[in-house]
């Protein structure tokens, strides 16, 4: 089932600090082109101590068939303040 009231975040993949971010509705048409990321806006995101966060994990894929993935021991957690 498609959520026609959903909001989407449209942002350049090579930008930072909120530059170039647009909020789109499900009815908005966009041109297919590279260099952008689209993700669904979450009204109630998971938080830790009431802070939004994201995880950055680093992996190395050495084979797809059979799938073989190595997870680097260190990663990154960023909290929004």
PDB file of N, CA and C in Angstrom:
ATOM      1  N   UNK A   1       0.848  -1.187   0.000  1.00  0.00           N
ATOM      2  CA  UNK A   1       0.000   0.000   0.000  1.00  0.00           C
ATOM      3  C   UNK A   1       0.889   1.244   0.000  1.00  0.00           C
ATOM      4  N   UNK A   2       0.595   2.163  -0.888  1.00  0.00           N
ATOM      5  CA  UNK A   2       1.392   3.379  -1.020  1.00  0.00           C
ATOM      6  C   UNK A   2       0.804   4.487  -0.155  1.00  0.00           C
ATOM      7  N   UNK A   3       1.668   5.189   0.555  1.00  0.00           N
ATOM      8  CA  UNK A   3       1.265   6.290   1.422  1.00  0.00           C
ATOM      9  C   UNK A   3       1.335   7.584   0.626  1.00  0.00           C
ATOM     10  N   UNK A   4       0.186   8.095   0.167  1.00  0.00           N
ATOM     11  CA  UNK A   4       0.160   9.305  -0.658  1.00  0.00           C
ATOM     12  C   UNK A   4       0.449  10.578   0.138  1.00  0.00           C
ATOM     13  N   UNK A   5       0.434  10.492   1.460  1.00  0.00           N
ATOM     14  CA  UNK A   5       0.705  11.665   2.293  1.00  0.00           C
ATOM     15  C   UNK A   5       2.154  11.697   2.766  1.00  0.00           C
ATOM     16  N   UNK A   6       2.952  10.722   2.359  1.00  0.00           N
ATOM     17  CA  UNK A   6       4.347  10.646   2.807  1.00  0.00           C
ATOM     18  C   UNK A   6       5.151  11.838   2.296  1.00  0.00           C
ATOM     19  N   UNK A   7       6.121  12.238   3.099  1.00  0.00           N
ATOM     20  CA  UNK A   7       7.054  13.283   2.694  1.00  0.00           C
ATOM     21  C   UNK A   7       8.408  12.638   2.432  1.00  0.00           C
ATOM     22  N   UNK A   8       9.147  13.227   1.495  1.00  0.00           N
ATOM     23  CA  UNK A   8      10.440  12.686   1.085  1.00  0.00           C
ATOM     24  C   UNK A   8      11.503  13.768   1.170  1.00  0.00           C
ATOM     25  N   UNK A   9      12.699  13.379   1.581  1.00  0.00           N
ATOM     26  CA  UNK A   9      13.839  14.290   1.653  1.00  0.00           C
ATOM     27  C   UNK A   9      14.692  14.045   0.413  1.00  0.00           C
ATOM     28  N   UNK A  10      14.980  15.101  -0.325  1.00  0.00           N
ATOM     29  CA  UNK A  10      15.742  15.047  -1.572  1.00  0.00           C
ATOM     30  C   UNK A  10      16.978  15.907  -1.374  1.00  0.00           C
ATOM     31  N   UNK A  11      18.168  15.278  -1.406  1.00  0.00           N
ATOM     32  CA  UNK A  11      19.371  16.068  -1.129  1.00  0.00           C
ATOM     33  C   UNK A  11      20.540  15.624  -1.986  1.00  0.00           C
ATOM     34  N   UNK A  12      21.451  16.550  -2.270  1.00  0.00           N
ATOM     35  CA  UNK A  12      22.642  16.199  -3.042  1.00  0.00           C
ATOM     36  C   UNK A  12      23.528  15.247  -2.227  1.00  0.00           C
ATOM     37  N   UNK A  13      24.092  14.256  -2.892  1.00  0.00           N
ATOM     38  CA  UNK A  13      24.919  13.283  -2.181  1.00  0.00           C
ATOM     39  C   UNK A  13      26.287  13.851  -1.799  1.00  0.00           C
ATOM     40  N   UNK A  14      26.738  14.903  -2.464  1.00  0.00           N
ATOM     41  CA  UNK A  14      28.075  15.451  -2.199  1.00  0.00           C
ATOM     42  C   UNK A  14      27.997  16.819  -1.523  1.00  0.00           C
ATOM     43  N   UNK A  15      27.034  17.000  -0.622  1.00  0.00           N
ATOM     44  CA  UNK A  15      26.880  18.274   0.065  1.00  0.00           C
ATOM     45  C   UNK A  15      26.804  18.026   1.564  1.00  0.00           C
ATOM     46  N   UNK A  16      26.864  19.083   2.347  1.00  0.00           N
ATOM     47  CA  UNK A  16      26.801  18.934   3.799  1.00  0.00           C
ATOM     48  C   UNK A  16      26.120  20.143   4.420  1.00  0.00           C
ATOM     49  N   UNK A  17      25.877  20.061   5.713  1.00  0.00           N
ATOM     50  CA  UNK A  17      25.299  21.169   6.497  1.00  0.00           C
ATOM     51  C   UNK A  17      23.943  21.630   5.990  1.00  0.00           C
ATOM     52  N   UNK A  18      23.167  20.725   5.425  1.00  0.00           N
ATOM     53  CA  UNK A  18      21.819  21.057   4.987  1.00  0.00           C
ATOM     54  C   UNK A  18      21.712  21.785   3.665  1.00  0.00           C
ATOM     55  N   UNK A  19      22.819  21.966   2.953  1.00  0.00           N
ATOM     56  CA  UNK A  19      22.772  22.686   1.671  1.00  0.00           C
ATOM     57  C   UNK A  19      22.086  21.838   0.600  1.00  0.00           C
ATOM     58  N   UNK A  20      21.138  22.444  -0.093  1.00  0.00           N
ATOM     59  CA  UNK A  20      20.486  21.799  -1.227  1.00  0.00           C
ATOM     60  C   UNK A  20      19.385  20.824  -0.881  1.00  0.00           C
ATOM     61  N   UNK A  21      18.988  20.726   0.383  1.00  0.00           N
ATOM     62  CA  UNK A  21      17.946  19.782   0.790  1.00  0.00           C
ATOM     63  C   UNK A  21      16.574  20.344   0.456  1.00  0.00           C
ATOM     64  N   UNK A  22      15.714  19.468  -0.093  1.00  0.00           N
ATOM     65  CA  UNK A  22      14.323  19.840  -0.394  1.00  0.00           C
ATOM     66  C   UNK A  22      13.404  18.800   0.215  1.00  0.00           C
ATOM     67  N   UNK A  23      12.242  19.225   0.652  1.00  0.00           N
ATOM     68  CA  UNK A  23      11.223  18.337   1.172  1.00  0.00           C
ATOM     69  C   UNK A  23      10.145  18.206   0.107  1.00  0.00           C
ATOM     70  N   UNK A  24       9.835  16.965  -0.294  1.00  0.00           N
ATOM     71  CA  UNK A  24       8.903  16.722  -1.387  1.00  0.00           C
ATOM     72  C   UNK A  24       7.722  15.889  -0.915  1.00  0.00           C
ATOM     73  N   UNK A  25       6.584  16.072  -1.579  1.00  0.00           N
ATOM     74  CA  UNK A  25       5.434  15.214  -1.309  1.00  0.00           C
ATOM     75  C   UNK A  25       5.489  14.019  -2.268  1.00  0.00           C
ATOM     76  N   UNK A  26       4.649  13.033  -2.017  1.00  0.00           N
ATOM     77  CA  UNK A  26       4.623  11.835  -2.860  1.00  0.00           C
ATOM     78  C   UNK A  26       4.189  12.152  -4.286  1.00  0.00           C
ATOM     79  N   UNK A  27       3.486  13.249  -4.474  1.00  0.00           N
ATOM     80  CA  UNK A  27       2.978  13.604  -5.800  1.00  0.00           C
ATOM     81  C   UNK A  27       3.988  14.388  -6.634  1.00  0.00           C
ATOM     82  N   UNK A  28       5.070  14.827  -6.028  1.00  0.00           N
ATOM     83  CA  UNK A  28       6.075  15.622  -6.729  1.00  0.00           C
ATOM     84  C   UNK A  28       6.828  14.761  -7.730  1.00  0.00           C
ATOM     85  N   UNK A  29       6.987  15.261  -8.935  1.00  0.00           N
ATOM     86  CA  UNK A  29       7.762  14.560  -9.974  1.00  0.00           C
ATOM     87  C   UNK A  29       9.161  15.159 -10.013  1.00  0.00           C
ATOM     88  N   UNK A  30      10.156  14.287 -10.052  1.00  0.00           N
ATOM     89  CA  UNK A  30      11.536  14.742 -10.177  1.00  0.00           C
ATOM     90  C   UNK A  30      12.186  14.024 -11.340  1.00  0.00           C
ATOM     91  N   UNK A  31      13.165  14.681 -11.945  1.00  0.00           N
ATOM     92  CA  UNK A  31      13.895  14.078 -13.054  1.00  0.00           C
ATOM     93  C   UNK A  31      14.912  13.089 -12.515  1.00  0.00           C
ATOM     94  N   UNK A  32      15.065  11.970 -13.226  1.00  0.00           N
ATOM     95  CA  UNK A  32      16.099  11.007 -12.852  1.00  0.00           C
ATOM     96  C   UNK A  32      17.455  11.586 -13.205  1.00  0.00           C
ATOM     97  N   UNK A  33      18.322  11.669 -12.201  1.00  0.00           N
ATOM     98  CA  UNK A  33      19.693  12.111 -12.442  1.00  0.00           C
ATOM     99  C   UNK A  33      20.555  11.658 -11.268  1.00  0.00           C
ATOM    100  N   UNK A  34      21.823  11.538 -11.516  1.00  0.00           N
ATOM    101  CA  UNK A  34      22.742  11.080 -10.484  1.00  0.00           C
ATOM    102  C   UNK A  34      23.106  12.190  -9.523  1.00  0.00           C
ATOM    103  N   UNK A  35      23.726  11.803  -8.421  1.00  0.00           N
ATOM    104  CA  UNK A  35      24.224  12.792  -7.475  1.00  0.00           C
ATOM    105  C   UNK A  35      23.235  13.229  -6.417  1.00  0.00           C
ATOM    106  N   UNK A  36      22.088  12.544  -6.292  1.00  0.00           N
ATOM    107  CA  UNK A  36      21.091  12.893  -5.290  1.00  0.00           C
ATOM    108  C   UNK A  36      20.660  11.659  -4.523  1.00  0.00           C
ATOM    109  N   UNK A  37      20.232  11.864  -3.294  1.00  0.00           N
ATOM    110  CA  UNK A  37      19.719  10.796  -2.441  1.00  0.00           C
ATOM    111  C   UNK A  37      18.289  11.165  -2.064  1.00  0.00           C
ATOM    112  N   UNK A  38      17.393  10.188  -2.115  1.00  0.00           N
ATOM    113  CA  UNK A  38      16.006  10.397  -1.712  1.00  0.00           C
ATOM    114  C   UNK A  38      15.713   9.433  -0.571  1.00  0.00           C
ATOM    115  N   UNK A  39      15.179   9.958   0.528  1.00  0.00           N
ATOM    116  CA  UNK A  39      14.816   9.096   1.654  1.00  0.00           C
ATOM    117  C   UNK A  39      13.478   9.555   2.228  1.00  0.00           C
ATOM    118  N   UNK A  40      12.755   8.611   2.797  1.00  0.00           N
ATOM    119  CA  UNK A  40      11.445   8.919   3.357  1.00  0.00           C
ATOM    120  C   UNK A  40      11.605   9.661   4.680  1.00  0.00           C
ATOM    121  N   UNK A  41      10.837  10.722   4.854  1.00  0.00           N
ATOM    122  CA  UNK A  41      10.841  11.501   6.086  1.00  0.00           C
ATOM    123  C   UNK A  41      10.112  10.709   7.170  1.00  0.00           C
ATOM    124  N   UNK A  42      10.717  10.572   8.328  1.00  0.00           N
ATOM    125  CA  UNK A  42      10.102   9.876   9.456  1.00  0.00           C
ATOM    126  C   UNK A  42       9.602  10.882  10.475  1.00  0.00           C
ATOM    127  N   UNK A  43       8.305  10.823  10.772  1.00  0.00           N
ATOM    128  CA  UNK A  43       7.734  11.754  11.748  1.00  0.00           C
ATOM    129  C   UNK A  43       8.296  11.523  13.145  1.00  0.00           C
ATOM    130  N   UNK A  44       8.431  10.267  13.517  1.00  0.00           N
ATOM    131  CA  UNK A  44       8.895   9.925  14.863  1.00  0.00           C
ATOM    132  C   UNK A  44      10.127   9.023  14.759  1.00  0.00           C
ATOM    133  N   UNK A  45      11.293   9.597  14.485  1.00  0.00           N
ATOM    134  CA  UNK A  45      12.490   8.765  14.344  1.00  0.00           C
ATOM    135  C   UNK A  45      12.941   8.195  15.687  1.00  0.00           C
ATOM    136  N   UNK A  46      13.677   7.115  15.636  1.00  0.00           N
ATOM    137  CA  UNK A  46      14.252   6.536  16.855  1.00  0.00           C
ATOM    138  C   UNK A  46      15.276   7.524  17.408  1.00  0.00           C
ATOM    139  N   UNK A  47      15.294   7.676  18.709  1.00  0.00           N
ATOM    140  CA  UNK A  47      16.242   8.607  19.336  1.00  0.00           C
ATOM    141  C   UNK A  47      16.969   7.917  20.493  1.00  0.00           C
ATOM    142  N   UNK A  48      18.095   8.471  20.866  1.00  0.00           N
ATOM    143  CA  UNK A  48      18.824   8.061  22.060  1.00  0.00           C
ATOM    144  C   UNK A  48      18.935   9.305  22.934  1.00  0.00           C
ATOM    145  N   UNK A  49      18.397   9.235  24.141  1.00  0.00           N
ATOM    146  CA  UNK A  49      18.345  10.403  25.041  1.00  0.00           C
ATOM    147  C   UNK A  49      17.737  11.614  24.332  1.00  0.00           C
ATOM    148  N   UNK A  50      16.695  11.365  23.553  1.00  0.00           N
ATOM    149  CA  UNK A  50      15.946  12.388  22.806  1.00  0.00           C
ATOM    150  C   UNK A  50      16.765  13.071  21.718  1.00  0.00           C
ATOM    151  N   UNK A  51      17.852  12.459  21.270  1.00  0.00           N
ATOM    152  CA  UNK A  51      18.667  12.997  20.174  1.00  0.00           C
ATOM    153  C   UNK A  51      18.569  12.083  18.959  1.00  0.00           C
ATOM    154  N   UNK A  52      18.351  12.681  17.789  1.00  0.00           N
ATOM    155  CA  UNK A  52      18.418  11.896  16.559  1.00  0.00           C
ATOM    156  C   UNK A  52      19.874  11.540  16.304  1.00  0.00           C
ATOM    157  N   UNK A  53      20.094  10.454  15.591  1.00  0.00           N
ATOM    158  CA  UNK A  53      21.458  10.001  15.347  1.00  0.00           C
ATOM    159  C   UNK A  53      21.534   9.258  14.023  1.00  0.00           C
ATOM    160  N   UNK A  54      22.741   9.067  13.543  1.00  0.00           N
ATOM    161  CA  UNK A  54      22.947   8.169  12.409  1.00  0.00           C
ATOM    162  C   UNK A  54      24.207   7.353  12.658  1.00  0.00           C
ATOM    163  N   UNK A  55      24.237   6.193  12.051  1.00  0.00           N
ATOM    164  CA  UNK A  55      25.363   5.272  12.185  1.00  0.00           C
ATOM    165  C   UNK A  55      26.077   5.171  10.857  1.00  0.00           C
ATOM    166  N   UNK A  56      27.387   5.155  10.896  1.00  0.00           N
ATOM    167  CA  UNK A  56      28.178   4.951   9.687  1.00  0.00           C
ATOM    168  C   UNK A  56      29.050   3.723   9.929  1.00  0.00           C
ATOM    169  N   UNK A  57      28.750   2.670   9.187  1.00  0.00           N
ATOM    170  CA  UNK A  57      29.492   1.418   9.283  1.00  0.00           C
ATOM    171  C   UNK A  57      30.271   1.220   7.998  1.00  0.00           C
ATOM    172  N   UNK A  58      31.466   0.695   8.118  1.00  0.00           N
ATOM    173  CA  UNK A  58      32.318   0.485   6.954  1.00  0.00           C
ATOM    174  C   UNK A  58      32.443  -1.006   6.685  1.00  0.00           C
ATOM    175  N   UNK A  59      32.208  -1.390   5.442  1.00  0.00           N
ATOM    176  CA  UNK A  59      32.268  -2.795   5.057  1.00  0.00           C
ATOM    177  C   UNK A  59      33.096  -2.955   3.792  1.00  0.00           C
ATOM    178  N   UNK A  60      33.562  -4.168   3.597  1.00  0.00           N
ATOM    179  CA  UNK A  60      34.259  -4.527   2.367  1.00  0.00           C
ATOM    180  C   UNK A  60      33.556  -5.756   1.805  1.00  0.00           C
ATOM    181  N   UNK A  61      33.002  -5.646   0.605  1.00  0.00           N
ATOM    182  CA  UNK A  61      32.340  -6.770  -0.050  1.00  0.00           C
ATOM    183  C   UNK A  61      33.349  -7.390  -1.000  1.00  0.00           C
ATOM    184  N   UNK A  62      33.704  -8.644  -0.733  1.00  0.00           N
ATOM    185  CA  UNK A  62      34.709  -9.315  -1.572  1.00  0.00           C
ATOM    186  C   UNK A  62      34.082 -10.271  -2.572  1.00  0.00           C
ATOM    187  N   UNK A  63      32.806 -10.603  -2.368  1.00  0.00           N
ATOM    188  CA  UNK A  63      32.129 -11.521  -3.287  1.00  0.00           C
ATOM    189  C   UNK A  63      30.623 -11.328  -3.166  1.00  0.00           C
ATOM    190  N   UNK A  64      29.934 -11.445  -4.297  1.00  0.00           N
ATOM    191  CA  UNK A  64      28.475 -11.351  -4.281  1.00  0.00           C
ATOM    192  C   UNK A  64      27.812 -12.713  -4.372  1.00  0.00           C
ATOM    193  N   UNK A  65      28.495 -13.678  -4.953  1.00  0.00           N
ATOM    194  CA  UNK A  65      27.923 -15.018  -5.073  1.00  0.00           C
ATOM    195  C   UNK A  65      29.017 -16.044  -4.855  1.00  0.00           C
ATOM    196  N   UNK A  66      29.178 -16.581  -3.668  1.00  0.00           N
ATOM    197  CA  UNK A  66      28.372 -16.334  -2.469  1.00  0.00           C
ATOM    198  C   UNK A  66      28.706 -14.970  -1.858  1.00  0.00           C
ATOM    199  N   UNK A  67      27.734 -14.419  -1.157  1.00  0.00           N
ATOM    200  CA  UNK A  67      27.939 -13.116  -0.542  1.00  0.00           C
ATOM    201  C   UNK A  67      28.964 -13.223   0.582  1.00  0.00           C
ATOM    202  N   UNK A  68      29.984 -12.372   0.508  1.00  0.00           N
ATOM    203  CA  UNK A  68      31.011 -12.328   1.555  1.00  0.00           C
ATOM    204  C   UNK A  68      31.269 -10.863   1.881  1.00  0.00           C
ATOM    205  N   UNK A  69      30.951 -10.488   3.126  1.00  0.00           N
ATOM    206  CA  UNK A  69      31.072  -9.099   3.569  1.00  0.00           C
ATOM    207  C   UNK A  69      31.880  -9.070   4.855  1.00  0.00           C
ATOM    208  N   UNK A  70      32.845  -8.157   4.917  1.00  0.00           N
ATOM    209  CA  UNK A  70      33.640  -7.958   6.120  1.00  0.00           C
ATOM    210  C   UNK A  70      33.278  -6.608   6.711  1.00  0.00           C
ATOM    211  N   UNK A  71      32.977  -6.605   8.005  1.00  0.00           N
ATOM    212  CA  UNK A  71      32.618  -5.382   8.718  1.00  0.00           C
ATOM    213  C   UNK A  71      33.845  -4.874   9.462  1.00  0.00           C
ATOM    214  N   UNK A  72      34.232  -3.639   9.199  1.00  0.00           N
ATOM    215  CA  UNK A  72      35.364  -3.032   9.890  1.00  0.00           C
ATOM    216  C   UNK A  72      34.998  -2.856  11.357  1.00  0.00           C
ATOM    217  N   UNK A  73      35.938  -3.080  12.251  1.00  0.00           N
ATOM    218  CA  UNK A  73      35.660  -3.060  13.688  1.00  0.00           C
ATOM    219  C   UNK A  73      35.219  -1.698  14.206  1.00  0.00           C
ATOM    220  N   UNK A  74      35.657  -0.627  13.581  1.00  0.00           N
ATOM    221  CA  UNK A  74      35.298   0.707  14.052  1.00  0.00           C
ATOM    222  C   UNK A  74      34.293   1.356  13.109  1.00  0.00           C
ATOM    223  N   UNK A  75      33.417   2.146  13.661  1.00  0.00           N
ATOM    224  CA  UNK A  75      32.429   2.877  12.887  1.00  0.00           C
ATOM    225  C   UNK A  75      32.270   4.265  13.480  1.00  0.00           C
ATOM    226  N   UNK A  76      31.172   4.904  13.137  1.00  0.00           N
ATOM    227  CA  UNK A  76      30.956   6.274  13.579  1.00  0.00           C
ATOM    228  C   UNK A  76      29.486   6.443  13.943  1.00  0.00           C
ATOM    229  N   UNK A  77      29.234   7.113  15.051  1.00  0.00           N
ATOM    230  CA  UNK A  77      27.870   7.499  15.450  1.00  0.00           C
ATOM    231  C   UNK A  77      27.847   9.012  15.553  1.00  0.00           C
ATOM    232  N   UNK A  78      26.883   9.625  14.885  1.00  0.00           N
ATOM    233  CA  UNK A  78      26.738  11.096  14.970  1.00  0.00           C
ATOM    234  C   UNK A  78      25.396  11.422  15.599  1.00  0.00           C
ATOM    235  N   UNK A  79      25.417  12.330  16.580  1.00  0.00           N
ATOM    236  CA  UNK A  79      24.192  12.764  17.235  1.00  0.00           C
ATOM    237  C   UNK A  79      23.854  14.188  16.805  1.00  0.00           C
ATOM    238  N   UNK A  80      22.570  14.426  16.531  1.00  0.00           N
ATOM    239  CA  UNK A  80      22.110  15.776  16.162  1.00  0.00           C
ATOM    240  C   UNK A  80      21.795  16.534  17.443  1.00  0.00           C
ATOM    241  N   UNK A  81      22.330  17.727  17.541  1.00  0.00           N
ATOM    242  CA  UNK A  81      22.058  18.523  18.748  1.00  0.00           C
ATOM    243  C   UNK A  81      21.291  19.776  18.382  1.00  0.00           C
TER     244      UNK A  81
END
